[in-house]
Amino acid sequence: MPPLFTNEDRILQLLHILMDNAFKFVQEDGKVTLDACIFRTYVRLSVRDNGVGIAKDVLPYVFDRFYKEDKARNTQGSGIGLSIAKELIHGMGEKIEVTSEPGKGSEFSFTVKRS
């Protein structure tokens, strides 16, 4: 990994949020992957899982504070983790995004500037 221009504590906090979320939505035999793609001016870190996925109509709201996709079920969490992740990454001047397909999993990725 090349040297990064960032707040290491915030990146670790962000990775913790994303990985914790991924583990919540995979089955017992599921898979969670952390990956890095290195570009000339930045690195893109990704947390990918093969869990339940997120419906297309829900994707625009996953970073909203207290949003939970299935409010009827008593799922873990407060619905605040992804909104904190978004605030952390935007506070550092970076970008975060999500792609997902129901039944196949989700990928959350964010950028970090290189030194």
PDB file of N, CA and C in Angstrom:
ATOM      1  N   MET A   1       0.846  -1.164   0.000  1.00  0.00           N
ATOM      2  CA  MET A   1       0.000   0.000   0.000  1.00  0.00           C
ATOM      3  C   MET A   1       0.895   1.230   0.000  1.00  0.00           C
ATOM      4  N   PRO A   2       0.626   2.173  -0.870  1.00  0.00           N
ATOM      5  CA  PRO A   2       1.427   3.405  -0.879  1.00  0.00           C
ATOM      6  C   PRO A   2       1.065   4.275   0.322  1.00  0.00           C
ATOM      7  N   PRO A   3       1.919   5.234   0.670  1.00  0.00           N
ATOM      8  CA  PRO A   3       1.578   6.173   1.744  1.00  0.00           C
ATOM      9  C   PRO A   3       0.307   6.947   1.376  1.00  0.00           C
ATOM     10  N   LEU A   4      -0.555   7.152   2.383  1.00  0.00           N
ATOM     11  CA  LEU A   4      -1.818   7.851   2.162  1.00  0.00           C
ATOM     12  C   LEU A   4      -1.834   9.167   2.917  1.00  0.00           C
ATOM     13  N   PHE A   5      -2.554  10.132   2.375  1.00  0.00           N
ATOM     14  CA  PHE A   5      -2.725  11.434   3.005  1.00  0.00           C
ATOM     15  C   PHE A   5      -4.105  11.443   3.647  1.00  0.00           C
ATOM     16  N   THR A   6      -4.158  11.000   4.911  1.00  0.00           N
ATOM     17  CA  THR A   6      -5.454  10.835   5.550  1.00  0.00           C
ATOM     18  C   THR A   6      -5.314  10.761   7.061  1.00  0.00           C
ATOM     19  N   ASN A   7      -6.432  10.651   7.730  1.00  0.00           N
ATOM     20  CA  ASN A   7      -6.490  10.452   9.169  1.00  0.00           C
ATOM     21  C   ASN A   7      -6.646   8.948   9.408  1.00  0.00           C
ATOM     22  N   GLU A   8      -5.582   8.302   9.832  1.00  0.00           N
ATOM     23  CA  GLU A   8      -5.575   6.847   9.984  1.00  0.00           C
ATOM     24  C   GLU A   8      -6.681   6.360  10.931  1.00  0.00           C
ATOM     25  N   ASP A   9      -6.894   7.064  12.034  1.00  0.00           N
ATOM     26  CA  ASP A   9      -7.932   6.669  12.986  1.00  0.00           C
ATOM     27  C   ASP A   9      -9.310   6.689  12.346  1.00  0.00           C
ATOM     28  N   ARG A  10      -9.579   7.683  11.527  1.00  0.00           N
ATOM     29  CA  ARG A  10     -10.889   7.786  10.864  1.00  0.00           C
ATOM     30  C   ARG A  10     -11.063   6.675   9.825  1.00  0.00           C
ATOM     31  N   ILE A  11      -9.994   6.347   9.122  1.00  0.00           N
ATOM     32  CA  ILE A  11     -10.074   5.269   8.129  1.00  0.00           C
ATOM     33  C   ILE A  11     -10.355   3.941   8.829  1.00  0.00           C
ATOM     34  N   LEU A  12      -9.690   3.700   9.951  1.00  0.00           N
ATOM     35  CA  LEU A  12      -9.943   2.469  10.709  1.00  0.00           C
ATOM     36  C   LEU A  12     -11.377   2.436  11.232  1.00  0.00           C
ATOM     37  N   GLN A  13     -11.884   3.573  11.692  1.00  0.00           N
ATOM     38  CA  GLN A  13     -13.270   3.658  12.152  1.00  0.00           C
ATOM     39  C   GLN A  13     -14.231   3.354  11.002  1.00  0.00           C
ATOM     40  N   LEU A  14     -13.956   3.927   9.849  1.00  0.00           N
ATOM     41  CA  LEU A  14     -14.781   3.719   8.667  1.00  0.00           C
ATOM     42  C   LEU A  14     -14.774   2.243   8.248  1.00  0.00           C
ATOM     43  N   LEU A  15     -13.592   1.632   8.219  1.00  0.00           N
ATOM     44  CA  LEU A  15     -13.503   0.217   7.860  1.00  0.00           C
ATOM     45  C   LEU A  15     -14.249  -0.652   8.873  1.00  0.00           C
ATOM     46  N   HIS A  16     -14.162  -0.287  10.126  1.00  0.00           N
ATOM     47  CA  HIS A  16     -14.883  -1.037  11.157  1.00  0.00           C
ATOM     48  C   HIS A  16     -16.394  -0.977  10.913  1.00  0.00           C
ATOM     49  N   ILE A  17     -16.908   0.200  10.613  1.00  0.00           N
ATOM     50  CA  ILE A  17     -18.339   0.364  10.333  1.00  0.00           C
ATOM     51  C   ILE A  17     -18.750  -0.487   9.136  1.00  0.00           C
ATOM     52  N   LEU A  18     -17.990  -0.395   8.040  1.00  0.00           N
ATOM     53  CA  LEU A  18     -18.358  -1.097   6.813  1.00  0.00           C
ATOM     54  C   LEU A  18     -18.239  -2.611   6.959  1.00  0.00           C
ATOM     55  N   MET A  19     -17.183  -3.072   7.638  1.00  0.00           N
ATOM     56  CA  MET A  19     -17.013  -4.514   7.803  1.00  0.00           C
ATOM     57  C   MET A  19     -18.045  -5.080   8.784  1.00  0.00           C
ATOM     58  N   ASP A  20     -18.326  -4.348   9.846  1.00  0.00           N
ATOM     59  CA  ASP A  20     -19.348  -4.782  10.799  1.00  0.00           C
ATOM     60  C   ASP A  20     -20.694  -4.912  10.090  1.00  0.00           C
ATOM     61  N   ASN A  21     -21.019  -3.935   9.268  1.00  0.00           N
ATOM     62  CA  ASN A  21     -22.264  -3.969   8.501  1.00  0.00           C
ATOM     63  C   ASN A  21     -22.296  -5.177   7.572  1.00  0.00           C
ATOM     64  N   ALA A  22     -21.191  -5.426   6.874  1.00  0.00           N
ATOM     65  CA  ALA A  22     -21.129  -6.547   5.940  1.00  0.00           C
ATOM     66  C   ALA A  22     -21.369  -7.868   6.668  1.00  0.00           C
ATOM     67  N   PHE A  23     -20.737  -8.050   7.825  1.00  0.00           N
ATOM     68  CA  PHE A  23     -20.901  -9.299   8.571  1.00  0.00           C
ATOM     69  C   PHE A  23     -22.333  -9.492   9.070  1.00  0.00           C
ATOM     70  N   LYS A  24     -23.056  -8.409   9.290  1.00  0.00           N
ATOM     71  CA  LYS A  24     -24.449  -8.514   9.742  1.00  0.00           C
ATOM     72  C   LYS A  24     -25.349  -9.103   8.665  1.00  0.00           C
ATOM     73  N   PHE A  25     -24.977  -8.945   7.396  1.00  0.00           N
ATOM     74  CA  PHE A  25     -25.875  -9.304   6.309  1.00  0.00           C
ATOM     75  C   PHE A  25     -25.410 -10.480   5.465  1.00  0.00           C
ATOM     76  N   VAL A  26     -24.438 -11.238   5.960  1.00  0.00           N
ATOM     77  CA  VAL A  26     -24.045 -12.473   5.274  1.00  0.00           C
ATOM     78  C   VAL A  26     -24.502 -13.666   6.104  1.00  0.00           C
ATOM     79  N   GLN A  27     -24.735 -14.764   5.421  1.00  0.00           N
ATOM     80  CA  GLN A  27     -25.090 -16.007   6.102  1.00  0.00           C
ATOM     81  C   GLN A  27     -23.864 -16.554   6.826  1.00  0.00           C
ATOM     82  N   GLU A  28     -24.060 -17.599   7.588  1.00  0.00           N
ATOM     83  CA  GLU A  28     -22.966 -18.193   8.352  1.00  0.00           C
ATOM     84  C   GLU A  28     -21.785 -18.591   7.467  1.00  0.00           C
ATOM     85  N   ASP A  29     -22.050 -19.060   6.277  1.00  0.00           N
ATOM     86  CA  ASP A  29     -20.983 -19.464   5.359  1.00  0.00           C
ATOM     87  C   ASP A  29     -20.664 -18.370   4.334  1.00  0.00           C
ATOM     88  N   GLY A  30     -21.072 -17.131   4.621  1.00  0.00           N
ATOM     89  CA  GLY A  30     -20.879 -16.013   3.700  1.00  0.00           C
ATOM     90  C   GLY A  30     -19.429 -15.552   3.629  1.00  0.00           C
ATOM     91  N   LYS A  31     -19.207 -14.554   2.788  1.00  0.00           N
ATOM     92  CA  LYS A  31     -17.858 -14.062   2.542  1.00  0.00           C
ATOM     93  C   LYS A  31     -17.855 -12.532   2.582  1.00  0.00           C
ATOM     94  N   VAL A  32     -16.874 -11.973   3.284  1.00  0.00           N
ATOM     95  CA  VAL A  32     -16.651 -10.530   3.320  1.00  0.00           C
ATOM     96  C   VAL A  32     -15.211 -10.297   2.880  1.00  0.00           C
ATOM     97  N   THR A  33     -15.021  -9.372   1.936  1.00  0.00           N
ATOM     98  CA  THR A  33     -13.706  -9.124   1.358  1.00  0.00           C
ATOM     99  C   THR A  33     -13.342  -7.651   1.485  1.00  0.00           C
ATOM    100  N   LEU A  34     -12.106  -7.392   1.871  1.00  0.00           N
ATOM    101  CA  LEU A  34     -11.546  -6.042   1.880  1.00  0.00           C
ATOM    102  C   LEU A  34     -10.535  -5.977   0.749  1.00  0.00           C
ATOM    103  N   ASP A  35     -10.661  -4.971  -0.098  1.00  0.00           N
ATOM    104  CA  ASP A  35      -9.797  -4.870  -1.268  1.00  0.00           C
ATOM    105  C   ASP A  35      -9.327  -3.427  -1.434  1.00  0.00           C
ATOM    106  N   ALA A  36      -8.201  -3.253  -2.104  1.00  0.00           N
ATOM    107  CA  ALA A  36      -7.678  -1.913  -2.407  1.00  0.00           C
ATOM    108  C   ALA A  36      -7.256  -1.864  -3.871  1.00  0.00           C
ATOM    109  N   CYS A  37      -7.677  -0.818  -4.564  1.00  0.00           N
ATOM    110  CA  CYS A  37      -7.239  -0.554  -5.938  1.00  0.00           C
ATOM    111  C   CYS A  37      -6.419   0.733  -5.894  1.00  0.00           C
ATOM    112  N   ILE A  38      -5.194   0.651  -6.381  1.00  0.00           N
ATOM    113  CA  ILE A  38      -4.276   1.782  -6.305  1.00  0.00           C
ATOM    114  C   ILE A  38      -4.265   2.522  -7.639  1.00  0.00           C
ATOM    115  N   PHE A  39      -4.539   3.822  -7.572  1.00  0.00           N
ATOM    116  CA  PHE A  39      -4.508   4.700  -8.733  1.00  0.00           C
ATOM    117  C   PHE A  39      -3.406   5.734  -8.529  1.00  0.00           C
ATOM    118  N   ARG A  40      -3.152   6.543  -9.515  1.00  0.00           N
ATOM    119  CA  ARG A  40      -2.051   7.515  -9.453  1.00  0.00           C
ATOM    120  C   ARG A  40      -2.187   8.497  -8.298  1.00  0.00           C
ATOM    121  N   THR A  41      -3.392   9.026  -8.050  1.00  0.00           N
ATOM    122  CA  THR A  41      -3.558  10.063  -7.024  1.00  0.00           C
ATOM    123  C   THR A  41      -4.366   9.619  -5.806  1.00  0.00           C
ATOM    124  N   TYR A  42      -4.935   8.425  -5.865  1.00  0.00           N
ATOM    125  CA  TYR A  42      -5.747   7.963  -4.744  1.00  0.00           C
ATOM    126  C   TYR A  42      -5.789   6.434  -4.703  1.00  0.00           C
ATOM    127  N   VAL A  43      -6.294   5.926  -3.591  1.00  0.00           N
ATOM    128  CA  VAL A  43      -6.550   4.495  -3.424  1.00  0.00           C
ATOM    129  C   VAL A  43      -8.039   4.348  -3.163  1.00  0.00           C
ATOM    130  N   ARG A  44      -8.658   3.340  -3.775  1.00  0.00           N
ATOM    131  CA  ARG A  44     -10.061   3.052  -3.513  1.00  0.00           C
ATOM    132  C   ARG A  44     -10.120   1.771  -2.685  1.00  0.00           C
ATOM    133  N   LEU A  45     -10.626   1.887  -1.465  1.00  0.00           N
ATOM    134  CA  LEU A  45     -10.801   0.739  -0.583  1.00  0.00           C
ATOM    135  C   LEU A  45     -12.239   0.258  -0.693  1.00  0.00           C
ATOM    136  N   SER A  46     -12.422  -1.061  -0.740  1.00  0.00           N
ATOM    137  CA  SER A  46     -13.754  -1.629  -0.906  1.00  0.00           C
ATOM    138  C   SER A  46     -13.998  -2.746   0.092  1.00  0.00           C
ATOM    139  N   VAL A  47     -15.204  -2.760   0.638  1.00  0.00           N
ATOM    140  CA  VAL A  47     -15.676  -3.852   1.481  1.00  0.00           C
ATOM    141  C   VAL A  47     -16.836  -4.491   0.721  1.00  0.00           C
ATOM    142  N   ARG A  48     -16.662  -5.766   0.389  1.00  0.00           N
ATOM    143  CA  ARG A  48     -17.650  -6.475  -0.430  1.00  0.00           C
ATOM    144  C   ARG A  48     -18.149  -7.694   0.348  1.00  0.00           C
ATOM    145  N   ASP A  49     -19.440  -7.988   0.204  1.00  0.00           N
ATOM    146  CA  ASP A  49     -19.989  -9.195   0.816  1.00  0.00           C
ATOM    147  C   ASP A  49     -20.894  -9.909  -0.180  1.00  0.00           C
ATOM    148  N   ASN A  50     -21.174 -11.166   0.095  1.00  0.00           N
ATOM    149  CA  ASN A  50     -22.094 -11.927  -0.752  1.00  0.00           C
ATOM    150  C   ASN A  50     -23.382 -12.221   0.017  1.00  0.00           C
ATOM    151  N   GLY A  51     -23.821 -11.226   0.758  1.00  0.00           N
ATOM    152  CA  GLY A  51     -25.015 -11.358   1.598  1.00  0.00           C
ATOM    153  C   GLY A  51     -26.307 -11.096   0.865  1.00  0.00           C
ATOM    154  N   VAL A  52     -27.275 -10.586   1.592  1.00  0.00           N
ATOM    155  CA  VAL A  52     -28.638 -10.419   1.079  1.00  0.00           C
ATOM    156  C   VAL A  52     -28.760  -9.330   0.022  1.00  0.00           C
ATOM    157  N   GLY A  53     -27.846  -8.373   0.011  1.00  0.00           N
ATOM    158  CA  GLY A  53     -27.920  -7.278  -0.948  1.00  0.00           C
ATOM    159  C   GLY A  53     -28.938  -6.222  -0.543  1.00  0.00           C
ATOM    160  N   ILE A  54     -28.997  -5.179  -1.343  1.00  0.00           N
ATOM    161  CA  ILE A  54     -29.877  -4.040  -1.066  1.00  0.00           C
ATOM    162  C   ILE A  54     -30.698  -3.761  -2.322  1.00  0.00           C
ATOM    163  N   ALA A  55     -31.989  -3.589  -2.152  1.00  0.00           N
ATOM    164  CA  ALA A  55     -32.876  -3.302  -3.279  1.00  0.00           C
ATOM    165  C   ALA A  55     -32.514  -1.956  -3.920  1.00  0.00           C
ATOM    166  N   LYS A  56     -32.662  -1.883  -5.231  1.00  0.00           N
ATOM    167  CA  LYS A  56     -32.316  -0.670  -5.987  1.00  0.00           C
ATOM    168  C   LYS A  56     -33.039   0.573  -5.480  1.00  0.00           C
ATOM    169  N   ASP A  57     -34.307   0.431  -5.116  1.00  0.00           N
ATOM    170  CA  ASP A  57     -35.084   1.586  -4.657  1.00  0.00           C
ATOM    171  C   ASP A  57     -34.654   2.058  -3.267  1.00  0.00           C
ATOM    172  N   VAL A  58     -33.883   1.251  -2.559  1.00  0.00           N
ATOM    173  CA  VAL A  58     -33.419   1.591  -1.218  1.00  0.00           C
ATOM    174  C   VAL A  58     -32.028   2.235  -1.249  1.00  0.00           C
ATOM    175  N   LEU A  59     -31.236   1.941  -2.261  1.00  0.00           N
ATOM    176  CA  LEU A  59     -29.844   2.425  -2.335  1.00  0.00           C
ATOM    177  C   LEU A  59     -29.673   3.920  -2.074  1.00  0.00           C
ATOM    178  N   PRO A  60     -30.546   4.793  -2.596  1.00  0.00           N
ATOM    179  CA  PRO A  60     -30.349   6.228  -2.338  1.00  0.00           C
ATOM    180  C   PRO A  60     -30.461   6.635  -0.870  1.00  0.00           C
ATOM    181  N   TYR A  61     -31.009   5.754  -0.028  1.00  0.00           N
ATOM    182  CA  TYR A  61     -31.267   6.101   1.364  1.00  0.00           C
ATOM    183  C   TYR A  61     -30.328   5.439   2.375  1.00  0.00           C
ATOM    184  N   VAL A  62     -29.448   4.545   1.940  1.00  0.00           N
ATOM    185  CA  VAL A  62     -28.652   3.769   2.901  1.00  0.00           C
ATOM    186  C   VAL A  62     -27.729   4.629   3.758  1.00  0.00           C
ATOM    187  N   PHE A  63     -27.359   5.818   3.284  1.00  0.00           N
ATOM    188  CA  PHE A  63     -26.486   6.689   4.067  1.00  0.00           C
ATOM    189  C   PHE A  63     -27.276   7.698   4.917  1.00  0.00           C
ATOM    190  N   ASP A  64     -28.612   7.645   4.861  1.00  0.00           N
ATOM    191  CA  ASP A  64     -29.443   8.544   5.663  1.00  0.00           C
ATOM    192  C   ASP A  64     -29.417   8.110   7.126  1.00  0.00           C
ATOM    193  N   ARG A  65     -29.363   9.076   8.009  1.00  0.00           N
ATOM    194  CA  ARG A  65     -29.335   8.801   9.452  1.00  0.00           C
ATOM    195  C   ARG A  65     -30.603   8.057   9.886  1.00  0.00           C
ATOM    196  N   PHE A  66     -30.426   6.992  10.636  1.00  0.00           N
ATOM    197  CA  PHE A  66     -31.473   6.144  11.210  1.00  0.00           C
ATOM    198  C   PHE A  66     -32.261   5.347  10.181  1.00  0.00           C
ATOM    199  N   TYR A  67     -31.810   5.300   8.926  1.00  0.00           N
ATOM    200  CA  TYR A  67     -32.542   4.527   7.919  1.00  0.00           C
ATOM    201  C   TYR A  67     -32.254   3.042   8.097  1.00  0.00           C
ATOM    202  N   LYS A  68     -33.322   2.241   8.111  1.00  0.00           N
ATOM    203  CA  LYS A  68     -33.211   0.787   8.133  1.00  0.00           C
ATOM    204  C   LYS A  68     -34.155   0.258   7.072  1.00  0.00           C
ATOM    205  N   GLU A  69     -33.645  -0.618   6.226  1.00  0.00           N
ATOM    206  CA  GLU A  69     -34.446  -1.101   5.103  1.00  0.00           C
ATOM    207  C   GLU A  69     -35.711  -1.815   5.558  1.00  0.00           C
ATOM    208  N   ASP A  70     -35.592  -2.714   6.513  1.00  0.00           N
ATOM    209  CA  ASP A  70     -36.750  -3.478   6.954  1.00  0.00           C
ATOM    210  C   ASP A  70     -37.092  -3.095   8.386  1.00  0.00           C
ATOM    211  N   LYS A  71     -37.953  -2.117   8.533  1.00  0.00           N
ATOM    212  CA  LYS A  71     -38.316  -1.626   9.861  1.00  0.00           C
ATOM    213  C   LYS A  71     -39.211  -2.606  10.616  1.00  0.00           C
ATOM    214  N   ALA A  72     -39.853  -3.526   9.907  1.00  0.00           N
ATOM    215  CA  ALA A  72     -40.753  -4.482  10.543  1.00  0.00           C
ATOM    216  C   ALA A  72     -39.982  -5.556  11.306  1.00  0.00           C
ATOM    217  N   ARG A  73     -38.793  -5.905  10.812  1.00  0.00           N
ATOM    218  CA  ARG A  73     -37.998  -6.932  11.486  1.00  0.00           C
ATOM    219  C   ARG A  73     -37.156  -6.293  12.572  1.00  0.00           C
ATOM    220  N   ASN A  74     -36.891  -7.044  13.599  1.00  0.00           N
ATOM    221  CA  ASN A  74     -36.083  -6.563  14.711  1.00  0.00           C
ATOM    222  C   ASN A  74     -34.607  -6.843  14.403  1.00  0.00           C
ATOM    223  N   THR A  75     -34.050  -6.112  13.439  1.00  0.00           N
ATOM    224  CA  THR A  75     -32.658  -6.324  13.059  1.00  0.00           C
ATOM    225  C   THR A  75     -31.742  -5.533  13.973  1.00  0.00           C
ATOM    226  N   GLN A  76     -30.493  -5.981  14.030  1.00  0.00           N
ATOM    227  CA  GLN A  76     -29.504  -5.311  14.860  1.00  0.00           C
ATOM    228  C   GLN A  76     -29.186  -3.939  14.299  1.00  0.00           C
ATOM    229  N   GLY A  77     -28.711  -3.073  15.169  1.00  0.00           N
ATOM    230  CA  GLY A  77     -28.227  -1.775  14.734  1.00  0.00           C
ATOM    231  C   GLY A  77     -29.265  -0.679  14.832  1.00  0.00           C
ATOM    232  N   SER A  78     -28.756   0.539  14.829  1.00  0.00           N
ATOM    233  CA  SER A  78     -29.615   1.715  14.980  1.00  0.00           C
ATOM    234  C   SER A  78     -29.904   2.409  13.656  1.00  0.00           C
ATOM    235  N   GLY A  79     -29.195   2.008  12.601  1.00  0.00           N
ATOM    236  CA  GLY A  79     -29.357   2.686  11.323  1.00  0.00           C
ATOM    237  C   GLY A  79     -28.528   3.953  11.241  1.00  0.00           C
ATOM    238  N   ILE A  80     -27.520   4.077  12.106  1.00  0.00           N
ATOM    239  CA  ILE A  80     -26.703   5.289  12.120  1.00  0.00           C
ATOM    240  C   ILE A  80     -25.287   5.068  11.570  1.00  0.00           C
ATOM    241  N   GLY A  81     -24.845   3.811  11.508  1.00  0.00           N
ATOM    242  CA  GLY A  81     -23.469   3.511  11.102  1.00  0.00           C
ATOM    243  C   GLY A  81     -23.076   4.052   9.740  1.00  0.00           C
ATOM    244  N   LEU A  82     -23.905   3.811   8.724  1.00  0.00           N
ATOM    245  CA  LEU A  82     -23.557   4.267   7.379  1.00  0.00           C
ATOM    246  C   LEU A  82     -23.618   5.784   7.252  1.00  0.00           C
ATOM    247  N   SER A  83     -24.485   6.435   8.013  1.00  0.00           N
ATOM    248  CA  SER A  83     -24.508   7.900   7.972  1.00  0.00           C
ATOM    249  C   SER A  83     -23.235   8.459   8.608  1.00  0.00           C
ATOM    250  N   ILE A  84     -22.744   7.817   9.665  1.00  0.00           N
ATOM    251  CA  ILE A  84     -21.468   8.227  10.267  1.00  0.00           C
ATOM    252  C   ILE A  84     -20.338   8.009   9.269  1.00  0.00           C
ATOM    253  N   ALA A  85     -20.360   6.876   8.575  1.00  0.00           N
ATOM    254  CA  ALA A  85     -19.335   6.592   7.566  1.00  0.00           C
ATOM    255  C   ALA A  85     -19.309   7.694   6.498  1.00  0.00           C
ATOM    256  N   LYS A  86     -20.480   8.082   6.041  1.00  0.00           N
ATOM    257  CA  LYS A  86     -20.566   9.132   5.018  1.00  0.00           C
ATOM    258  C   LYS A  86     -20.026  10.458   5.549  1.00  0.00           C
ATOM    259  N   GLU A  87     -20.388  10.817   6.780  1.00  0.00           N
ATOM    260  CA  GLU A  87     -19.892  12.065   7.377  1.00  0.00           C
ATOM    261  C   GLU A  87     -18.369  12.036   7.538  1.00  0.00           C
ATOM    262  N   LEU A  88     -17.837  10.903   7.977  1.00  0.00           N
ATOM    263  CA  LEU A  88     -16.382  10.775   8.144  1.00  0.00           C
ATOM    264  C   LEU A  88     -15.669  10.994   6.818  1.00  0.00           C
ATOM    265  N   ILE A  89     -16.119  10.302   5.790  1.00  0.00           N
ATOM    266  CA  ILE A  89     -15.424  10.346   4.504  1.00  0.00           C
ATOM    267  C   ILE A  89     -15.580  11.711   3.842  1.00  0.00           C
ATOM    268  N   HIS A  90     -16.753  12.317   3.941  1.00  0.00           N
ATOM    269  CA  HIS A  90     -16.948  13.655   3.366  1.00  0.00           C
ATOM    270  C   HIS A  90     -16.154  14.701   4.138  1.00  0.00           C
ATOM    271  N   GLY A  91     -16.010  14.507   5.459  1.00  0.00           N
ATOM    272  CA  GLY A  91     -15.204  15.408   6.271  1.00  0.00           C
ATOM    273  C   GLY A  91     -13.737  15.407   5.882  1.00  0.00           C
ATOM    274  N   MET A  92     -13.305  14.330   5.247  1.00  0.00           N
ATOM    275  CA  MET A  92     -11.918  14.224   4.779  1.00  0.00           C
ATOM    276  C   MET A  92     -11.796  14.610   3.304  1.00  0.00           C
ATOM    277  N   GLY A  93     -12.914  15.052   2.721  1.00  0.00           N
ATOM    278  CA  GLY A  93     -12.893  15.454   1.317  1.00  0.00           C
ATOM    279  C   GLY A  93     -12.843  14.291   0.348  1.00  0.00           C
ATOM    280  N   GLU A  94     -13.313  13.142   0.766  1.00  0.00           N
ATOM    281  CA  GLU A  94     -13.289  11.936  -0.061  1.00  0.00           C
ATOM    282  C   GLU A  94     -14.699  11.542  -0.466  1.00  0.00           C
ATOM    283  N   LYS A  95     -14.809  10.436  -1.210  1.00  0.00           N
ATOM    284  CA  LYS A  95     -16.103   9.969  -1.714  1.00  0.00           C
ATOM    285  C   LYS A  95     -16.367   8.548  -1.236  1.00  0.00           C
ATOM    286  N   ILE A  96     -17.635   8.243  -1.012  1.00  0.00           N
ATOM    287  CA  ILE A  96     -18.064   6.890  -0.673  1.00  0.00           C
ATOM    288  C   ILE A  96     -19.243   6.540  -1.569  1.00  0.00           C
ATOM    289  N   GLU A  97     -19.313   5.265  -1.963  1.00  0.00           N
ATOM    290  CA  GLU A  97     -20.427   4.831  -2.799  1.00  0.00           C
ATOM    291  C   GLU A  97     -20.753   3.377  -2.516  1.00  0.00           C
ATOM    292  N   VAL A  98     -21.925   2.975  -2.962  1.00  0.00           N
ATOM    293  CA  VAL A  98     -22.386   1.607  -2.764  1.00  0.00           C
ATOM    294  C   VAL A  98     -22.974   1.077  -4.066  1.00  0.00           C
ATOM    295  N   THR A  99     -22.709  -0.192  -4.319  1.00  0.00           N
ATOM    296  CA  THR A  99     -23.378  -0.926  -5.380  1.00  0.00           C
ATOM    297  C   THR A  99     -23.900  -2.207  -4.741  1.00  0.00           C
ATOM    298  N   SER A 100     -25.027  -2.679  -5.232  1.00  0.00           N
ATOM    299  CA  SER A 100     -25.601  -3.861  -4.627  1.00  0.00           C
ATOM    300  C   SER A 100     -26.590  -4.524  -5.565  1.00  0.00           C
ATOM    301  N   GLU A 101     -26.773  -5.822  -5.347  1.00  0.00           N
ATOM    302  CA  GLU A 101     -27.774  -6.579  -6.077  1.00  0.00           C
ATOM    303  C   GLU A 101     -28.442  -7.527  -5.087  1.00  0.00           C
ATOM    304  N   PRO A 102     -29.758  -7.427  -4.948  1.00  0.00           N
ATOM    305  CA  PRO A 102     -30.454  -8.312  -4.008  1.00  0.00           C
ATOM    306  C   PRO A 102     -30.119  -9.780  -4.263  1.00  0.00           C
ATOM    307  N   GLY A 103     -29.828 -10.478  -3.181  1.00  0.00           N
ATOM    308  CA  GLY A 103     -29.494 -11.890  -3.260  1.00  0.00           C
ATOM    309  C   GLY A 103     -28.051 -12.196  -3.624  1.00  0.00           C
ATOM    310  N   LYS A 104     -27.290 -11.159  -4.010  1.00  0.00           N
ATOM    311  CA  LYS A 104     -25.904 -11.389  -4.421  1.00  0.00           C
ATOM    312  C   LYS A 104     -24.892 -10.623  -3.585  1.00  0.00           C
ATOM    313  N   GLY A 105     -25.333  -9.624  -2.835  1.00  0.00           N
ATOM    314  CA  GLY A 105     -24.416  -8.900  -1.964  1.00  0.00           C
ATOM    315  C   GLY A 105     -24.266  -7.436  -2.295  1.00  0.00           C
ATOM    316  N   SER A 106     -23.356  -6.806  -1.552  1.00  0.00           N
ATOM    317  CA  SER A 106     -23.133  -5.363  -1.671  1.00  0.00           C
ATOM    318  C   SER A 106     -21.647  -5.056  -1.659  1.00  0.00           C
ATOM    319  N   GLU A 107     -21.320  -3.893  -2.211  1.00  0.00           N
ATOM    320  CA  GLU A 107     -19.946  -3.398  -2.161  1.00  0.00           C
ATOM    321  C   GLU A 107     -19.989  -1.915  -1.791  1.00  0.00           C
ATOM    322  N   PHE A 108     -19.305  -1.578  -0.694  1.00  0.00           N
ATOM    323  CA  PHE A 108     -19.139  -0.200  -0.279  1.00  0.00           C
ATOM    324  C   PHE A 108     -17.685   0.159  -0.543  1.00  0.00           C
ATOM    325  N   SER A 109     -17.460   1.241  -1.268  1.00  0.00           N
ATOM    326  CA  SER A 109     -16.080   1.648  -1.563  1.00  0.00           C
ATOM    327  C   SER A 109     -15.922   3.135  -1.306  1.00  0.00           C
ATOM    328  N   PHE A 110     -14.678   3.512  -0.947  1.00  0.00           N
ATOM    329  CA  PHE A 110     -14.378   4.915  -0.691  1.00  0.00           C
ATOM    330  C   PHE A 110     -12.967   5.214  -1.137  1.00  0.00           C
ATOM    331  N   THR A 111     -12.711   6.501  -1.366  1.00  0.00           N
ATOM    332  CA  THR A 111     -11.405   6.930  -1.851  1.00  0.00           C
ATOM    333  C   THR A 111     -10.577   7.520  -0.715  1.00  0.00           C
ATOM    334  N   VAL A 112      -9.270   7.415  -0.881  1.00  0.00           N
ATOM    335  CA  VAL A 112      -8.307   8.033   0.044  1.00  0.00           C
ATOM    336  C   VAL A 112      -7.164   8.583  -0.800  1.00  0.00           C
ATOM    337  N   LYS A 113      -6.832   9.851  -0.594  1.00  0.00           N
ATOM    338  CA  LYS A 113      -5.748  10.486  -1.360  1.00  0.00           C
ATOM    339  C   LYS A 113      -4.397   9.874  -1.018  1.00  0.00           C
ATOM    340  N   ARG A 114      -3.556   9.743  -2.028  1.00  0.00           N
ATOM    341  CA  ARG A 114      -2.197   9.289  -1.817  1.00  0.00           C
ATOM    342  C   ARG A 114      -1.311  10.474  -1.439  1.00  0.00           C
ATOM    343  N   SER A 115      -0.271  10.190  -0.680  1.00  0.00           N
ATOM    344  CA  SER A 115       0.691  11.247  -0.291  1.00  0.00           C
ATOM    345  C   SER A 115       1.517  11.677  -1.480  1.00  0.00           C
TER     346      SER A 115
END
